[in-house]
């Protein structure tokens, strides 16, 4: 939660004063497909990524009147060591 959710929040909070009033400003926050649907054995990760998606949606609405856009990217599963180790750990 500290890295995935709180880190995104604090970074955006610090950037808002610099982006408001500039032309074509945009936040791009890194979420995950796990932020769009839950997954077994990943409740903690999914919760943190759901938080990023929800925060970004709210930020988009709050920042729009100031000319700032906000989006979250939600990539799918990648063959990283984190996911491969998780998959192998849960095989029968």
N, C-alpha and C. Protein backbone atom coordinates (compact mmCIF):
# COMPACT_ATOMS: atom_id res chain seq x y z
N UNK A 1 0.83 -1.19 0.00
CA UNK A 1 0.00 0.00 0.00
C UNK A 1 0.87 1.25 0.00
N UNK A 2 1.99 1.22 0.72
CA UNK A 2 2.84 2.40 0.77
C UNK A 2 3.38 2.78 -0.62
N UNK A 3 3.86 1.80 -1.35
CA UNK A 3 4.43 2.09 -2.67
C UNK A 3 3.34 2.29 -3.70
N UNK A 4 2.44 1.33 -3.83
CA UNK A 4 1.46 1.35 -4.91
C UNK A 4 0.41 2.44 -4.75
N UNK A 5 -0.13 2.63 -3.58
CA UNK A 5 -1.21 3.61 -3.40
C UNK A 5 -0.69 4.93 -2.82
N UNK A 6 -0.04 4.85 -1.68
CA UNK A 6 0.42 6.08 -1.03
C UNK A 6 1.48 6.80 -1.87
N UNK A 7 2.34 6.05 -2.51
CA UNK A 7 3.37 6.66 -3.36
C UNK A 7 2.77 7.44 -4.52
N UNK A 8 1.74 6.88 -5.15
CA UNK A 8 1.05 7.58 -6.24
C UNK A 8 0.38 8.84 -5.70
N UNK A 9 -0.30 8.71 -4.57
CA UNK A 9 -0.98 9.86 -3.97
C UNK A 9 0.00 10.99 -3.66
N UNK A 10 1.09 10.68 -2.97
CA UNK A 10 2.04 11.72 -2.57
C UNK A 10 2.73 12.36 -3.77
N UNK A 11 3.03 11.56 -4.78
CA UNK A 11 3.66 12.10 -5.99
C UNK A 11 2.72 13.07 -6.70
N UNK A 12 1.46 12.68 -6.85
CA UNK A 12 0.48 13.56 -7.49
C UNK A 12 0.26 14.82 -6.67
N UNK A 13 0.18 14.67 -5.36
CA UNK A 13 -0.02 15.82 -4.48
C UNK A 13 1.11 16.83 -4.66
N UNK A 14 2.33 16.34 -4.76
CA UNK A 14 3.49 17.22 -4.93
C UNK A 14 3.51 17.87 -6.31
N UNK A 15 2.98 17.19 -7.31
CA UNK A 15 3.04 17.69 -8.68
C UNK A 15 1.92 18.66 -9.03
N UNK A 16 0.79 18.58 -8.33
CA UNK A 16 -0.36 19.42 -8.68
C UNK A 16 0.00 20.90 -8.81
N UNK A 17 0.68 21.51 -7.85
CA UNK A 17 0.97 22.94 -7.98
C UNK A 17 1.80 23.30 -9.22
N UNK A 18 2.59 22.34 -9.71
CA UNK A 18 3.44 22.58 -10.88
C UNK A 18 2.68 22.39 -12.19
N UNK A 19 1.61 21.61 -12.15
CA UNK A 19 0.88 21.30 -13.38
C UNK A 19 -0.33 22.20 -13.62
N UNK A 20 -0.93 22.67 -12.54
CA UNK A 20 -2.11 23.52 -12.68
C UNK A 20 -1.73 24.79 -13.44
N UNK A 21 -2.52 25.10 -14.44
CA UNK A 21 -2.29 26.31 -15.23
C UNK A 21 -1.36 26.13 -16.41
N UNK A 22 -0.70 24.98 -16.51
CA UNK A 22 0.12 24.72 -17.68
C UNK A 22 -0.75 24.08 -18.76
N UNK A 23 -0.39 24.29 -19.96
CA UNK A 23 -1.16 23.72 -21.06
C UNK A 23 -0.80 22.24 -21.25
N UNK A 24 -1.81 21.43 -21.43
CA UNK A 24 -1.65 20.02 -21.76
C UNK A 24 -0.94 19.21 -20.68
N UNK A 25 -1.23 19.48 -19.43
CA UNK A 25 -0.65 18.72 -18.32
C UNK A 25 -1.42 17.41 -18.13
N UNK A 26 -0.71 16.38 -17.72
CA UNK A 26 -1.35 15.07 -17.56
C UNK A 26 -0.59 14.21 -16.55
N UNK A 27 -1.35 13.58 -15.67
CA UNK A 27 -0.81 12.54 -14.81
C UNK A 27 -1.01 11.21 -15.51
N UNK A 28 -0.02 10.34 -15.45
CA UNK A 28 -0.17 8.97 -15.93
C UNK A 28 0.29 8.07 -14.78
N UNK A 29 -0.68 7.46 -14.12
CA UNK A 29 -0.39 6.62 -12.97
C UNK A 29 -0.36 5.15 -13.37
N UNK A 30 0.56 4.41 -12.79
CA UNK A 30 0.71 2.99 -13.11
C UNK A 30 -0.16 2.16 -12.17
N UNK A 31 -1.18 1.54 -12.74
CA UNK A 31 -2.03 0.61 -11.99
C UNK A 31 -1.73 -0.79 -12.54
N UNK A 32 -2.75 -1.56 -12.78
CA UNK A 32 -2.57 -2.93 -13.25
C UNK A 32 -3.93 -3.49 -13.61
N UNK A 33 -3.96 -4.54 -14.39
CA UNK A 33 -5.21 -5.26 -14.63
C UNK A 33 -5.77 -5.73 -13.29
N UNK A 34 -4.89 -5.93 -12.32
CA UNK A 34 -5.32 -6.32 -10.97
C UNK A 34 -6.10 -5.20 -10.28
N UNK A 35 -6.02 -3.99 -10.83
CA UNK A 35 -6.80 -2.88 -10.31
C UNK A 35 -8.17 -2.78 -10.95
N UNK A 36 -8.46 -3.69 -11.85
CA UNK A 36 -9.76 -3.71 -12.52
C UNK A 36 -10.57 -4.94 -12.15
N UNK A 37 -9.88 -5.99 -11.70
CA UNK A 37 -10.56 -7.21 -11.26
C UNK A 37 -9.68 -7.90 -10.23
N UNK A 38 -10.33 -8.51 -9.26
CA UNK A 38 -9.59 -9.19 -8.20
C UNK A 38 -8.94 -10.48 -8.69
N UNK A 39 -8.10 -11.03 -7.87
CA UNK A 39 -7.44 -12.28 -8.21
C UNK A 39 -7.13 -13.08 -6.96
N UNK A 40 -7.20 -14.38 -7.08
CA UNK A 40 -6.91 -15.26 -5.94
C UNK A 40 -5.47 -15.08 -5.48
N UNK A 41 -5.27 -15.14 -4.19
CA UNK A 41 -3.95 -15.03 -3.58
C UNK A 41 -3.26 -13.70 -3.83
N UNK A 42 -4.02 -12.67 -4.17
CA UNK A 42 -3.41 -11.38 -4.46
C UNK A 42 -4.25 -10.22 -3.94
N UNK A 43 -5.01 -10.46 -2.87
CA UNK A 43 -5.92 -9.43 -2.36
C UNK A 43 -5.18 -8.15 -2.01
N UNK A 44 -4.02 -8.27 -1.39
CA UNK A 44 -3.25 -7.09 -1.00
C UNK A 44 -2.80 -6.28 -2.22
N UNK A 45 -2.32 -6.97 -3.23
CA UNK A 45 -1.86 -6.30 -4.46
C UNK A 45 -3.05 -5.69 -5.21
N UNK A 46 -4.12 -6.45 -5.35
CA UNK A 46 -5.32 -5.95 -6.04
C UNK A 46 -5.88 -4.72 -5.32
N UNK A 47 -5.92 -4.75 -4.00
CA UNK A 47 -6.43 -3.61 -3.25
C UNK A 47 -5.60 -2.36 -3.51
N UNK A 48 -4.30 -2.50 -3.56
CA UNK A 48 -3.45 -1.33 -3.79
C UNK A 48 -3.63 -0.78 -5.20
N UNK A 49 -3.83 -1.65 -6.17
CA UNK A 49 -4.01 -1.19 -7.54
C UNK A 49 -5.42 -0.66 -7.78
N UNK A 50 -6.44 -1.23 -7.11
CA UNK A 50 -7.79 -0.65 -7.14
C UNK A 50 -7.73 0.77 -6.60
N UNK A 51 -6.94 0.98 -5.55
CA UNK A 51 -6.80 2.31 -4.95
C UNK A 51 -6.23 3.30 -5.97
N UNK A 52 -5.25 2.87 -6.74
CA UNK A 52 -4.66 3.75 -7.76
C UNK A 52 -5.70 4.12 -8.81
N UNK A 53 -6.49 3.15 -9.26
CA UNK A 53 -7.51 3.43 -10.27
C UNK A 53 -8.56 4.40 -9.72
N UNK A 54 -9.07 4.14 -8.53
CA UNK A 54 -10.06 5.02 -7.93
C UNK A 54 -9.53 6.42 -7.67
N UNK A 55 -8.32 6.50 -7.15
CA UNK A 55 -7.70 7.80 -6.91
C UNK A 55 -7.54 8.57 -8.22
N UNK A 56 -7.09 7.89 -9.25
CA UNK A 56 -6.87 8.55 -10.54
C UNK A 56 -8.18 9.04 -11.14
N UNK A 57 -9.25 8.27 -11.00
CA UNK A 57 -10.55 8.72 -11.50
C UNK A 57 -10.99 9.98 -10.77
N UNK A 58 -10.81 10.02 -9.46
CA UNK A 58 -11.17 11.21 -8.69
C UNK A 58 -10.28 12.39 -9.03
N UNK A 59 -8.99 12.13 -9.16
CA UNK A 59 -8.05 13.18 -9.53
C UNK A 59 -8.41 13.78 -10.88
N UNK A 60 -8.80 12.94 -11.83
CA UNK A 60 -9.19 13.43 -13.16
C UNK A 60 -10.35 14.41 -13.06
N UNK A 61 -11.33 14.08 -12.24
CA UNK A 61 -12.50 14.96 -12.08
C UNK A 61 -12.14 16.26 -11.37
N UNK A 62 -11.27 16.19 -10.37
CA UNK A 62 -10.88 17.37 -9.62
C UNK A 62 -9.93 18.28 -10.39
N UNK A 63 -9.08 17.69 -11.20
CA UNK A 63 -8.06 18.46 -11.91
C UNK A 63 -8.54 19.01 -13.25
N UNK A 64 -9.57 18.42 -13.82
CA UNK A 64 -10.06 18.83 -15.14
C UNK A 64 -10.36 20.33 -15.24
N UNK A 65 -11.02 20.93 -14.27
CA UNK A 65 -11.29 22.36 -14.39
C UNK A 65 -10.02 23.23 -14.44
N UNK A 66 -8.89 22.65 -14.06
CA UNK A 66 -7.62 23.38 -14.05
C UNK A 66 -6.76 23.03 -15.26
N UNK A 67 -7.33 22.31 -16.22
CA UNK A 67 -6.61 21.97 -17.44
C UNK A 67 -5.64 20.81 -17.29
N UNK A 68 -5.83 20.00 -16.27
CA UNK A 68 -4.94 18.86 -16.02
C UNK A 68 -5.74 17.56 -16.19
N UNK A 69 -5.20 16.64 -16.97
CA UNK A 69 -5.82 15.33 -17.15
C UNK A 69 -5.13 14.31 -16.26
N UNK A 70 -5.82 13.23 -15.96
CA UNK A 70 -5.24 12.13 -15.17
C UNK A 70 -5.72 10.81 -15.75
N UNK A 71 -4.79 9.91 -15.95
CA UNK A 71 -5.10 8.59 -16.48
C UNK A 71 -4.30 7.53 -15.72
N UNK A 72 -4.85 6.33 -15.69
CA UNK A 72 -4.13 5.19 -15.11
C UNK A 72 -3.96 4.15 -16.19
N UNK A 73 -2.74 3.66 -16.34
CA UNK A 73 -2.52 2.55 -17.26
C UNK A 73 -2.67 1.25 -16.49
N UNK A 74 -3.24 0.26 -17.12
CA UNK A 74 -3.53 -1.01 -16.44
C UNK A 74 -3.01 -2.17 -17.28
N UNK A 75 -1.69 -2.36 -17.30
CA UNK A 75 -1.14 -3.46 -18.09
C UNK A 75 -1.56 -4.82 -17.53
N UNK A 76 -1.57 -5.80 -18.39
CA UNK A 76 -1.91 -7.16 -17.98
C UNK A 76 -0.71 -7.86 -17.36
N UNK A 77 -0.81 -9.15 -17.26
CA UNK A 77 0.25 -9.94 -16.64
C UNK A 77 1.46 -10.02 -17.56
N UNK A 78 2.62 -9.79 -16.98
CA UNK A 78 3.87 -9.87 -17.71
C UNK A 78 4.71 -10.98 -17.10
N UNK A 79 5.55 -11.55 -17.88
CA UNK A 79 6.38 -12.66 -17.41
C UNK A 79 7.54 -12.21 -16.55
N UNK A 80 7.27 -11.42 -15.52
CA UNK A 80 8.32 -10.97 -14.62
C UNK A 80 8.60 -12.07 -13.59
N UNK A 81 9.71 -11.95 -12.91
CA UNK A 81 10.05 -12.96 -11.90
C UNK A 81 9.02 -12.98 -10.79
N UNK A 82 8.43 -11.82 -10.44
CA UNK A 82 7.42 -11.78 -9.39
C UNK A 82 6.24 -12.68 -9.76
N UNK A 83 5.71 -12.52 -10.98
CA UNK A 83 4.54 -13.31 -11.38
C UNK A 83 4.91 -14.76 -11.66
N UNK A 84 6.05 -15.00 -12.26
CA UNK A 84 6.44 -16.38 -12.53
C UNK A 84 6.66 -17.16 -11.24
N UNK A 85 7.29 -16.53 -10.25
CA UNK A 85 7.48 -17.19 -8.96
C UNK A 85 6.14 -17.44 -8.28
N UNK A 86 5.21 -16.50 -8.39
CA UNK A 86 3.89 -16.66 -7.80
C UNK A 86 3.14 -17.80 -8.47
N UNK A 87 3.19 -17.87 -9.77
CA UNK A 87 2.50 -18.94 -10.51
C UNK A 87 3.09 -20.30 -10.13
N UNK A 88 4.40 -20.39 -10.08
CA UNK A 88 5.05 -21.66 -9.73
C UNK A 88 4.73 -22.06 -8.30
N UNK A 89 4.63 -21.09 -7.41
CA UNK A 89 4.35 -21.40 -6.00
C UNK A 89 2.95 -21.95 -5.79
N UNK A 90 2.03 -21.64 -6.70
CA UNK A 90 0.64 -22.06 -6.54
C UNK A 90 0.25 -23.23 -7.44
N UNK A 91 1.21 -23.84 -8.09
CA UNK A 91 0.92 -25.03 -8.90
C UNK A 91 0.86 -26.26 -8.00
N UNK A 92 -0.04 -27.19 -8.32
CA UNK A 92 -0.14 -28.42 -7.51
C UNK A 92 1.08 -29.31 -7.66
